[in-house]
Amino acid sequence: MITKDIVNIYIKLQGNDDALALLIPSSLEKEKLLKNWKLIDDFVFDLNLLNKGLVSQNMEDEIRQRMKKEIDSEDTVELLLSFVKNNS
């Protein structure tokens, strides 16, 4: 599950997974974070396409459904949406 804390780390490191790997010493914790990192990367990519109007309505609905399933709260969704909007 993607939390606000993980999104804040993603924003602070600008999505740099190498920097994340250097910061997290525990391999179990690192594996968990990297899985969420990949999900965030996927959402950032999809949301950039969405913001540019390059996805169908079906794809937009699918993105929103995945976000509801994988992201813990609407506040976290808004944080991610804001990051994408300000970095596209």
C-alpha atoms as a PDB file:
ATOM      1  CA  MET A   1       0.000   0.000   0.000  1.00  0.00           C
ATOM      2  CA  ILE A   2       1.338   3.409  -0.959  1.00  0.00           C
ATOM      3  CA  THR A   3       1.273   5.843   1.949  1.00  0.00           C
ATOM      4  CA  LYS A   4       1.797   9.574   2.236  1.00  0.00           C
ATOM      5  CA  ASP A   5       5.205   8.940   3.846  1.00  0.00           C
ATOM      6  CA  ILE A   6       6.369   6.903   0.857  1.00  0.00           C
ATOM      7  CA  VAL A   7       5.116   9.526  -1.612  1.00  0.00           C
ATOM      8  CA  ASN A   8       6.912  12.247   0.367  1.00  0.00           C
ATOM      9  CA  ILE A   9      10.158  10.262   0.164  1.00  0.00           C
ATOM     10  CA  TYR A  10       9.560   9.759  -3.572  1.00  0.00           C
ATOM     11  CA  ILE A  11       9.053  13.516  -4.004  1.00  0.00           C
ATOM     12  CA  LYS A  12      12.105  14.383  -1.903  1.00  0.00           C
ATOM     13  CA  LEU A  13      14.291  12.054  -3.989  1.00  0.00           C
ATOM     14  CA  GLN A  14      12.538  13.027  -7.256  1.00  0.00           C
ATOM     15  CA  GLY A  15      11.870   9.370  -7.996  1.00  0.00           C
ATOM     16  CA  ASN A  16      15.545   8.398  -7.879  1.00  0.00           C
ATOM     17  CA  ASP A  17      15.498   4.735  -6.828  1.00  0.00           C
ATOM     18  CA  ASP A  18      19.299   4.591  -6.595  1.00  0.00           C
ATOM     19  CA  ALA A  19      19.206   7.275  -3.901  1.00  0.00           C
ATOM     20  CA  LEU A  20      16.503   5.301  -2.113  1.00  0.00           C
ATOM     21  CA  ALA A  21      18.590   2.133  -2.202  1.00  0.00           C
ATOM     22  CA  LEU A  22      21.468   3.988  -0.554  1.00  0.00           C
ATOM     23  CA  LEU A  23      19.253   5.404   2.196  1.00  0.00           C
ATOM     24  CA  ILE A  24      17.551   2.184   3.303  1.00  0.00           C
ATOM     25  CA  PRO A  25      19.945  -0.278   4.989  1.00  0.00           C
ATOM     26  CA  SER A  26      17.566  -3.184   5.645  1.00  0.00           C
ATOM     27  CA  SER A  27      17.083  -5.415   2.600  1.00  0.00           C
ATOM     28  CA  LEU A  28      13.555  -6.429   3.667  1.00  0.00           C
ATOM     29  CA  GLU A  29      12.502  -2.803   4.136  1.00  0.00           C
ATOM     30  CA  LYS A  30      14.247  -1.863   0.893  1.00  0.00           C
ATOM     31  CA  GLU A  31      12.388  -4.571  -1.034  1.00  0.00           C
ATOM     32  CA  LYS A  32       9.037  -3.352   0.309  1.00  0.00           C
ATOM     33  CA  LEU A  33       9.823   0.273  -0.522  1.00  0.00           C
ATOM     34  CA  LEU A  34      11.126  -0.565  -3.999  1.00  0.00           C
ATOM     35  CA  LYS A  35       7.887  -2.417  -4.785  1.00  0.00           C
ATOM     36  CA  ASN A  36       5.898   0.677  -3.806  1.00  0.00           C
ATOM     37  CA  TRP A  37       8.417   2.856  -5.654  1.00  0.00           C
ATOM     38  CA  LYS A  38       7.687   0.944  -8.867  1.00  0.00           C
ATOM     39  CA  LEU A  39       3.946   1.435  -8.338  1.00  0.00           C
ATOM     40  CA  ILE A  40       4.477   5.165  -7.844  1.00  0.00           C
ATOM     41  CA  ASP A  41       6.633   5.301 -11.001  1.00  0.00           C
ATOM     42  CA  ASP A  42       3.807   3.613 -12.904  1.00  0.00           C
ATOM     43  CA  PHE A  43       1.244   6.058 -11.526  1.00  0.00           C
ATOM     44  CA  VAL A  44       3.450   9.053 -12.349  1.00  0.00           C
ATOM     45  CA  PHE A  45       3.794   7.806 -15.938  1.00  0.00           C
ATOM     46  CA  ASP A  46       0.057   7.132 -16.275  1.00  0.00           C
ATOM     47  CA  LEU A  47      -0.932  10.441 -14.681  1.00  0.00           C
ATOM     48  CA  ASN A  48       1.370  12.348 -17.035  1.00  0.00           C
ATOM     49  CA  LEU A  49      -0.395  10.707 -19.978  1.00  0.00           C
ATOM     50  CA  LEU A  50      -3.749  11.476 -18.383  1.00  0.00           C
ATOM     51  CA  ASN A  51      -2.849  15.140 -17.830  1.00  0.00           C
ATOM     52  CA  LYS A  52      -1.857  15.434 -21.485  1.00  0.00           C
ATOM     53  CA  GLY A  53      -5.158  13.929 -22.615  1.00  0.00           C
ATOM     54  CA  LEU A  54      -3.462  10.900 -24.153  1.00  0.00           C
ATOM     55  CA  VAL A  55      -5.572   8.156 -22.564  1.00  0.00           C
ATOM     56  CA  SER A  56      -9.043   6.853 -23.272  1.00  0.00           C
ATOM     57  CA  GLN A  57     -11.869   7.086 -20.759  1.00  0.00           C
ATOM     58  CA  ASN A  58     -11.485   3.353 -20.081  1.00  0.00           C
ATOM     59  CA  MET A  59      -7.794   3.811 -19.301  1.00  0.00           C
ATOM     60  CA  GLU A  60      -8.559   6.780 -17.052  1.00  0.00           C
ATOM     61  CA  ASP A  61     -11.109   4.689 -15.153  1.00  0.00           C
ATOM     62  CA  GLU A  62      -8.571   1.873 -14.808  1.00  0.00           C
ATOM     63  CA  ILE A  63      -5.921   4.260 -13.453  1.00  0.00           C
ATOM     64  CA  ARG A  64      -8.354   5.648 -10.886  1.00  0.00           C
ATOM     65  CA  GLN A  65      -9.401   2.130  -9.823  1.00  0.00           C
ATOM     66  CA  ARG A  66      -5.765   1.081  -9.369  1.00  0.00           C
ATOM     67  CA  MET A  67      -5.132   4.219  -7.337  1.00  0.00           C
ATOM     68  CA  LYS A  68      -8.055   3.416  -5.025  1.00  0.00           C
ATOM     69  CA  LYS A  69      -6.705  -0.099  -4.569  1.00  0.00           C
ATOM     70  CA  GLU A  70      -3.007   0.744  -4.081  1.00  0.00           C
ATOM     71  CA  ILE A  71      -3.034   4.153  -2.330  1.00  0.00           C
ATOM     72  CA  ASP A  72      -4.066   4.473   1.303  1.00  0.00           C
ATOM     73  CA  SER A  73      -6.041   7.748   1.261  1.00  0.00           C
ATOM     74  CA  GLU A  74      -7.404  10.579  -0.846  1.00  0.00           C
ATOM     75  CA  ASP A  75      -4.795  12.897   0.740  1.00  0.00           C
ATOM     76  CA  THR A  76      -2.029  10.666  -0.606  1.00  0.00           C
ATOM     77  CA  VAL A  77      -3.680  10.639  -4.038  1.00  0.00           C
ATOM     78  CA  GLU A  78      -3.832  14.454  -3.993  1.00  0.00           C
ATOM     79  CA  LEU A  79      -0.161  14.658  -2.991  1.00  0.00           C
ATOM     80  CA  LEU A  80       0.799  12.418  -5.912  1.00  0.00           C
ATOM     81  CA  LEU A  81      -1.440  14.343  -8.338  1.00  0.00           C
ATOM     82  CA  SER A  82       0.143  17.615  -7.202  1.00  0.00           C
ATOM     83  CA  PHE A  83       3.652  16.222  -7.689  1.00  0.00           C
ATOM     84  CA  VAL A  84       2.826  15.065 -11.212  1.00  0.00           C
ATOM     85  CA  LYS A  85       1.183  18.370 -12.122  1.00  0.00           C
ATOM     86  CA  ASN A  86       4.169  20.390 -10.860  1.00  0.00           C
ATOM     87  CA  ASN A  87       6.765  18.154 -12.559  1.00  0.00           C
ATOM     88  CA  SER A  88       5.331  17.566 -16.002  1.00  0.00           C
END
